[in-house]
């Protein structure tokens, strides 16, 4: 596998080049992206994390979501700032409560 093929495989597998060596070398394609951390109550397990991530991922412009049940934090990366009410509605649809930004 060439280094270009490996980079493409990593991007496809992880959904972002903004991790590992690409991020530390400044080679991130999401340089203009906005990252926001939200506080969500009610998540207790991996299933909860998946439900919240799935709903938020469906919002236009969202490129990645990382939900952590243990901390109650959901980190969202998007092309532009998201409407907080849209994020709140997505979290509500998943069955949890957005309490604000973390």
C-alpha atoms as a PDB file:
ATOM      1  CA  UNK A   1       0.000   0.000   0.000  1.00  0.00           C
ATOM      2  CA  UNK A   2       1.436   3.412  -0.928  1.00  0.00           C
ATOM      3  CA  UNK A   3       1.450   6.276   1.564  1.00  0.00           C
ATOM      4  CA  UNK A   4      -1.341   8.002  -0.421  1.00  0.00           C
ATOM      5  CA  UNK A   5      -3.455   4.842  -0.296  1.00  0.00           C
ATOM      6  CA  UNK A   6      -2.782   4.470   3.429  1.00  0.00           C
ATOM      7  CA  UNK A   7      -3.845   8.088   4.072  1.00  0.00           C
ATOM      8  CA  UNK A   8      -7.054   7.518   2.101  1.00  0.00           C
ATOM      9  CA  UNK A   9      -7.749   4.305   4.031  1.00  0.00           C
ATOM     10  CA  UNK A  10      -7.210   6.112   7.347  1.00  0.00           C
ATOM     11  CA  UNK A  11      -9.556   8.942   6.313  1.00  0.00           C
ATOM     12  CA  UNK A  12     -12.235   6.470   5.237  1.00  0.00           C
ATOM     13  CA  UNK A  13     -11.885   4.376   8.390  1.00  0.00           C
ATOM     14  CA  UNK A  14     -11.824   7.208  10.919  1.00  0.00           C
ATOM     15  CA  UNK A  15     -13.933   9.722   9.018  1.00  0.00           C
ATOM     16  CA  UNK A  16     -11.327  12.442   9.466  1.00  0.00           C
ATOM     17  CA  UNK A  17      -7.718  13.189   8.763  1.00  0.00           C
ATOM     18  CA  UNK A  18      -7.603  15.317  11.903  1.00  0.00           C
ATOM     19  CA  UNK A  19      -6.178  12.642  14.118  1.00  0.00           C
ATOM     20  CA  UNK A  20      -2.777  11.103  14.451  1.00  0.00           C
ATOM     21  CA  UNK A  21       0.110  12.301  12.324  1.00  0.00           C
ATOM     22  CA  UNK A  22      -2.006  14.284   9.846  1.00  0.00           C
ATOM     23  CA  UNK A  23      -3.228  16.633  12.570  1.00  0.00           C
ATOM     24  CA  UNK A  24       0.161  17.077  14.191  1.00  0.00           C
ATOM     25  CA  UNK A  25       1.829  17.818  10.852  1.00  0.00           C
ATOM     26  CA  UNK A  26      -0.738  20.482   9.937  1.00  0.00           C
ATOM     27  CA  UNK A  27      -2.129  18.386   7.087  1.00  0.00           C
ATOM     28  CA  UNK A  28      -5.736  18.509   8.254  1.00  0.00           C
ATOM     29  CA  UNK A  29      -8.372  19.022   5.566  1.00  0.00           C
ATOM     30  CA  UNK A  30     -10.902  20.320   8.132  1.00  0.00           C
ATOM     31  CA  UNK A  31      -8.821  23.409   8.962  1.00  0.00           C
ATOM     32  CA  UNK A  32     -11.874  25.716   8.840  1.00  0.00           C
ATOM     33  CA  UNK A  33     -14.071  23.393  10.888  1.00  0.00           C
ATOM     34  CA  UNK A  34     -15.799  24.411  14.105  1.00  0.00           C
ATOM     35  CA  UNK A  35     -15.603  22.126  17.147  1.00  0.00           C
ATOM     36  CA  UNK A  36     -18.198  22.520  19.900  1.00  0.00           C
ATOM     37  CA  UNK A  37     -18.550  20.487  23.097  1.00  0.00           C
ATOM     38  CA  UNK A  38     -22.058  20.001  24.486  1.00  0.00           C
ATOM     39  CA  UNK A  39     -23.238  18.633  27.835  1.00  0.00           C
ATOM     40  CA  UNK A  40     -25.815  15.848  27.527  1.00  0.00           C
ATOM     41  CA  UNK A  41     -27.510  14.099  30.445  1.00  0.00           C
ATOM     42  CA  UNK A  42     -28.856  10.566  30.544  1.00  0.00           C
ATOM     43  CA  UNK A  43     -26.164   8.716  28.574  1.00  0.00           C
ATOM     44  CA  UNK A  44     -24.981   5.636  30.470  1.00  0.00           C
ATOM     45  CA  UNK A  45     -23.443   3.290  27.880  1.00  0.00           C
ATOM     46  CA  UNK A  46     -22.128   2.762  24.388  1.00  0.00           C
ATOM     47  CA  UNK A  47     -25.646   2.350  23.023  1.00  0.00           C
ATOM     48  CA  UNK A  48     -26.519   5.808  24.378  1.00  0.00           C
ATOM     49  CA  UNK A  49     -23.392   7.270  22.782  1.00  0.00           C
ATOM     50  CA  UNK A  50     -24.316   5.713  19.453  1.00  0.00           C
ATOM     51  CA  UNK A  51     -27.899   6.988  19.543  1.00  0.00           C
ATOM     52  CA  UNK A  52     -26.801  10.558  20.283  1.00  0.00           C
ATOM     53  CA  UNK A  53     -24.006  10.415  17.700  1.00  0.00           C
ATOM     54  CA  UNK A  54     -26.329   9.088  15.017  1.00  0.00           C
ATOM     55  CA  UNK A  55     -28.924  11.837  15.508  1.00  0.00           C
ATOM     56  CA  UNK A  56     -26.399  14.685  15.624  1.00  0.00           C
ATOM     57  CA  UNK A  57     -24.473  13.265  12.645  1.00  0.00           C
ATOM     58  CA  UNK A  58     -27.632  13.664  10.548  1.00  0.00           C
ATOM     59  CA  UNK A  59     -27.527  17.475  10.952  1.00  0.00           C
ATOM     60  CA  UNK A  60     -26.312  19.349   7.855  1.00  0.00           C
ATOM     61  CA  UNK A  61     -22.631  20.281   7.982  1.00  0.00           C
ATOM     62  CA  UNK A  62     -21.649  17.855  10.747  1.00  0.00           C
ATOM     63  CA  UNK A  63     -18.429  16.000   9.923  1.00  0.00           C
ATOM     64  CA  UNK A  64     -17.845  14.120  13.192  1.00  0.00           C
ATOM     65  CA  UNK A  65     -19.422  13.417  16.569  1.00  0.00           C
ATOM     66  CA  UNK A  66     -17.829  11.855  19.646  1.00  0.00           C
ATOM     67  CA  UNK A  67     -20.181  11.160  22.547  1.00  0.00           C
ATOM     68  CA  UNK A  68     -18.766  10.096  25.934  1.00  0.00           C
ATOM     69  CA  UNK A  69     -21.286   8.667  28.373  1.00  0.00           C
ATOM     70  CA  UNK A  70     -18.874   8.769  31.335  1.00  0.00           C
ATOM     71  CA  UNK A  71     -18.342  12.530  31.085  1.00  0.00           C
ATOM     72  CA  UNK A  72     -21.666  13.457  29.511  1.00  0.00           C
ATOM     73  CA  UNK A  73     -19.801  15.395  26.835  1.00  0.00           C
ATOM     74  CA  UNK A  74     -20.504  15.316  23.120  1.00  0.00           C
ATOM     75  CA  UNK A  75     -17.867  16.829  20.833  1.00  0.00           C
ATOM     76  CA  UNK A  76     -19.207  17.909  17.448  1.00  0.00           C
ATOM     77  CA  UNK A  77     -17.137  19.073  14.480  1.00  0.00           C
ATOM     78  CA  UNK A  78     -18.994  20.902  11.740  1.00  0.00           C
ATOM     79  CA  UNK A  79     -18.312  23.072   8.715  1.00  0.00           C
ATOM     80  CA  UNK A  80     -19.927  26.081  10.429  1.00  0.00           C
ATOM     81  CA  UNK A  81     -21.418  26.812  13.865  1.00  0.00           C
ATOM     82  CA  UNK A  82     -24.583  24.773  14.444  1.00  0.00           C
ATOM     83  CA  UNK A  83     -27.909  26.097  15.608  1.00  0.00           C
ATOM     84  CA  UNK A  84     -28.062  24.974  19.243  1.00  0.00           C
ATOM     85  CA  UNK A  85     -31.800  24.350  18.991  1.00  0.00           C
ATOM     86  CA  UNK A  86     -31.180  21.926  16.094  1.00  0.00           C
ATOM     87  CA  UNK A  87     -28.609  20.075  18.213  1.00  0.00           C
ATOM     88  CA  UNK A  88     -31.042  20.085  21.158  1.00  0.00           C
ATOM     89  CA  UNK A  89     -33.783  18.609  18.946  1.00  0.00           C
ATOM     90  CA  UNK A  90     -31.426  15.880  17.687  1.00  0.00           C
ATOM     91  CA  UNK A  91     -30.387  14.949  21.240  1.00  0.00           C
ATOM     92  CA  UNK A  92     -34.051  14.967  22.299  1.00  0.00           C
ATOM     93  CA  UNK A  93     -34.914  12.669  19.374  1.00  0.00           C
ATOM     94  CA  UNK A  94     -32.272  10.240  20.665  1.00  0.00           C
ATOM     95  CA  UNK A  95     -33.970  10.290  24.087  1.00  0.00           C
ATOM     96  CA  UNK A  96     -31.508  12.440  26.049  1.00  0.00           C
ATOM     97  CA  UNK A  97     -31.248  16.049  27.222  1.00  0.00           C
ATOM     98  CA  UNK A  98     -28.876  18.723  25.993  1.00  0.00           C
ATOM     99  CA  UNK A  99     -28.120  20.952  28.979  1.00  0.00           C
ATOM    100  CA  UNK A 100     -25.898  23.414  27.126  1.00  0.00           C
ATOM    101  CA  UNK A 101     -22.291  23.748  26.127  1.00  0.00           C
ATOM    102  CA  UNK A 102     -19.688  22.006  28.224  1.00  0.00           C
END
